Amino acid sequence: MLSLVAILLGLSCGSSSSPTAPPAGLEDHTVRRGGAFHRPGLTAPAENCVQCHGADLRGGDNGEPSCFSCHGNIWD
């Protein structure tokens, strides 16, 4: 579990490294935008992202990052 949190935190925006494939455990995150990998359907986050990133997109229960850390307040 801790390694998954470390992987997710390693996907922060503006990261100096540019992986060409999603990290292990996030293979379904195939769409690269803004330096991070997203799941298909990212344009409808209320339907496709809340399961992991929390109902308010401010981070999941298992350390999944807040969408606001990269996207600002565009979902307010």
C-alpha atoms as a PDB file:
ATOM      1  CA  MET A   1       0.000   0.000   0.000  1.00  0.00           C
ATOM      2  CA  LEU A   2       2.764   2.427   0.905  1.00  0.00           C
ATOM      3  CA  SER A   3       4.467   1.848  -2.450  1.00  0.00           C
ATOM      4  CA  LEU A   4       1.236   2.724  -4.286  1.00  0.00           C
ATOM      5  CA  VAL A   5       1.065   5.989  -2.347  1.00  0.00           C
ATOM      6  CA  ALA A   6       4.665   6.738  -3.284  1.00  0.00           C
ATOM      7  CA  ILE A   7       3.910   6.010  -6.934  1.00  0.00           C
ATOM      8  CA  LEU A   8       0.866   8.245  -6.916  1.00  0.00           C
ATOM      9  CA  LEU A   9       2.738  11.076  -5.255  1.00  0.00           C
ATOM     10  CA  GLY A  10       5.492  10.660  -7.836  1.00  0.00           C
ATOM     11  CA  LEU A  11       2.973  11.630 -10.515  1.00  0.00           C
ATOM     12  CA  SER A  12       2.828  15.206  -9.311  1.00  0.00           C
ATOM     13  CA  CYS A  13       2.411  17.965 -11.866  1.00  0.00           C
ATOM     14  CA  GLY A  14       5.500  19.547 -13.230  1.00  0.00           C
ATOM     15  CA  SER A  15       7.584  16.542 -12.373  1.00  0.00           C
ATOM     16  CA  SER A  16      11.020  16.779 -13.937  1.00  0.00           C
ATOM     17  CA  SER A  17      10.908  13.182 -15.079  1.00  0.00           C
ATOM     18  CA  SER A  18       8.661  12.303 -17.999  1.00  0.00           C
ATOM     19  CA  PRO A  19       7.713   8.637 -17.930  1.00  0.00           C
ATOM     20  CA  THR A  20       6.321   7.297 -21.187  1.00  0.00           C
ATOM     21  CA  ALA A  21       3.997   4.776 -19.559  1.00  0.00           C
ATOM     22  CA  PRO A  22       1.880   4.782 -16.419  1.00  0.00           C
ATOM     23  CA  PRO A  23       3.508   3.294 -13.325  1.00  0.00           C
ATOM     24  CA  ALA A  24       2.735  -0.214 -12.150  1.00  0.00           C
ATOM     25  CA  GLY A  25      -0.709  -0.430 -10.632  1.00  0.00           C
ATOM     26  CA  LEU A  26      -2.044   2.437 -12.744  1.00  0.00           C
ATOM     27  CA  GLU A  27      -2.031   0.760 -16.154  1.00  0.00           C
ATOM     28  CA  ASP A  28      -5.593   1.998 -16.804  1.00  0.00           C
ATOM     29  CA  HIS A  29      -4.311   5.601 -16.627  1.00  0.00           C
ATOM     30  CA  THR A  30      -3.414   5.789 -20.318  1.00  0.00           C
ATOM     31  CA  VAL A  31      -4.129   9.449 -21.148  1.00  0.00           C
ATOM     32  CA  ARG A  32      -1.205  11.758 -20.522  1.00  0.00           C
ATOM     33  CA  ARG A  33      -2.115  15.371 -19.801  1.00  0.00           C
ATOM     34  CA  GLY A  34      -0.158  18.045 -17.977  1.00  0.00           C
ATOM     35  CA  GLY A  35       2.686  15.717 -17.061  1.00  0.00           C
ATOM     36  CA  ALA A  36       0.419  13.173 -15.327  1.00  0.00           C
ATOM     37  CA  PHE A  37      -1.422  10.072 -16.456  1.00  0.00           C
ATOM     38  CA  HIS A  38      -5.230  10.050 -16.255  1.00  0.00           C
ATOM     39  CA  ARG A  39      -7.863   7.427 -16.955  1.00  0.00           C
ATOM     40  CA  PRO A  40      -9.951   7.746 -20.103  1.00  0.00           C
ATOM     41  CA  GLY A  41     -13.017   9.832 -19.310  1.00  0.00           C
ATOM     42  CA  LEU A  42     -11.027  12.521 -17.533  1.00  0.00           C
ATOM     43  CA  THR A  43     -13.276  15.220 -18.990  1.00  0.00           C
ATOM     44  CA  ALA A  44     -16.096  13.907 -16.779  1.00  0.00           C
ATOM     45  CA  PRO A  45     -14.336  13.667 -13.400  1.00  0.00           C
ATOM     46  CA  ALA A  46     -17.574  13.487 -11.393  1.00  0.00           C
ATOM     47  CA  GLU A  47     -18.303  10.201 -13.144  1.00  0.00           C
ATOM     48  CA  ASN A  48     -14.843   8.765 -13.700  1.00  0.00           C
ATOM     49  CA  CYS A  49     -12.422  10.028 -11.061  1.00  0.00           C
ATOM     50  CA  VAL A  50     -14.326  10.242  -7.767  1.00  0.00           C
ATOM     51  CA  GLN A  51     -14.057   6.518  -7.053  1.00  0.00           C
ATOM     52  CA  CYS A  52     -10.351   6.906  -6.293  1.00  0.00           C
ATOM     53  CA  HIS A  53      -9.737  10.647  -5.904  1.00  0.00           C
ATOM     54  CA  GLY A  54     -12.654  11.229  -3.519  1.00  0.00           C
ATOM     55  CA  ALA A  55     -16.177  12.578  -3.935  1.00  0.00           C
ATOM     56  CA  ASP A  56     -14.838  16.140  -3.894  1.00  0.00           C
ATOM     57  CA  LEU A  57     -11.704  15.265  -5.944  1.00  0.00           C
ATOM     58  CA  ARG A  58      -9.506  16.409  -3.041  1.00  0.00           C
ATOM     59  CA  GLY A  59      -7.769  13.062  -2.635  1.00  0.00           C
ATOM     60  CA  GLY A  60      -8.648   9.485  -1.928  1.00  0.00           C
ATOM     61  CA  ASP A  61      -8.592   7.420   1.224  1.00  0.00           C
ATOM     62  CA  ASN A  62      -5.510   5.499   0.073  1.00  0.00           C
ATOM     63  CA  GLY A  63      -3.306   8.478  -0.684  1.00  0.00           C
ATOM     64  CA  GLU A  64      -4.543   9.174  -4.195  1.00  0.00           C
ATOM     65  CA  PRO A  65      -3.619  12.787  -4.968  1.00  0.00           C
ATOM     66  CA  SER A  66      -6.019  15.681  -5.003  1.00  0.00           C
ATOM     67  CA  CYS A  67      -6.997  16.719  -8.524  1.00  0.00           C
ATOM     68  CA  PHE A  68      -6.824  20.316  -7.296  1.00  0.00           C
ATOM     69  CA  SER A  69      -3.059  20.040  -6.831  1.00  0.00           C
ATOM     70  CA  CYS A  70      -2.715  20.244 -10.625  1.00  0.00           C
ATOM     71  CA  HIS A  71      -6.049  21.578 -11.841  1.00  0.00           C
ATOM     72  CA  GLY A  72      -6.672  24.376  -9.336  1.00  0.00           C
ATOM     73  CA  ASN A  73     -10.302  25.263  -8.692  1.00  0.00           C
ATOM     74  CA  ILE A  74     -11.743  24.415 -12.108  1.00  0.00           C
ATOM     75  CA  TRP A  75     -14.206  21.972 -10.473  1.00  0.00           C
ATOM     76  CA  ASP A  76     -15.612  24.487  -7.972  1.00  0.00           C
END
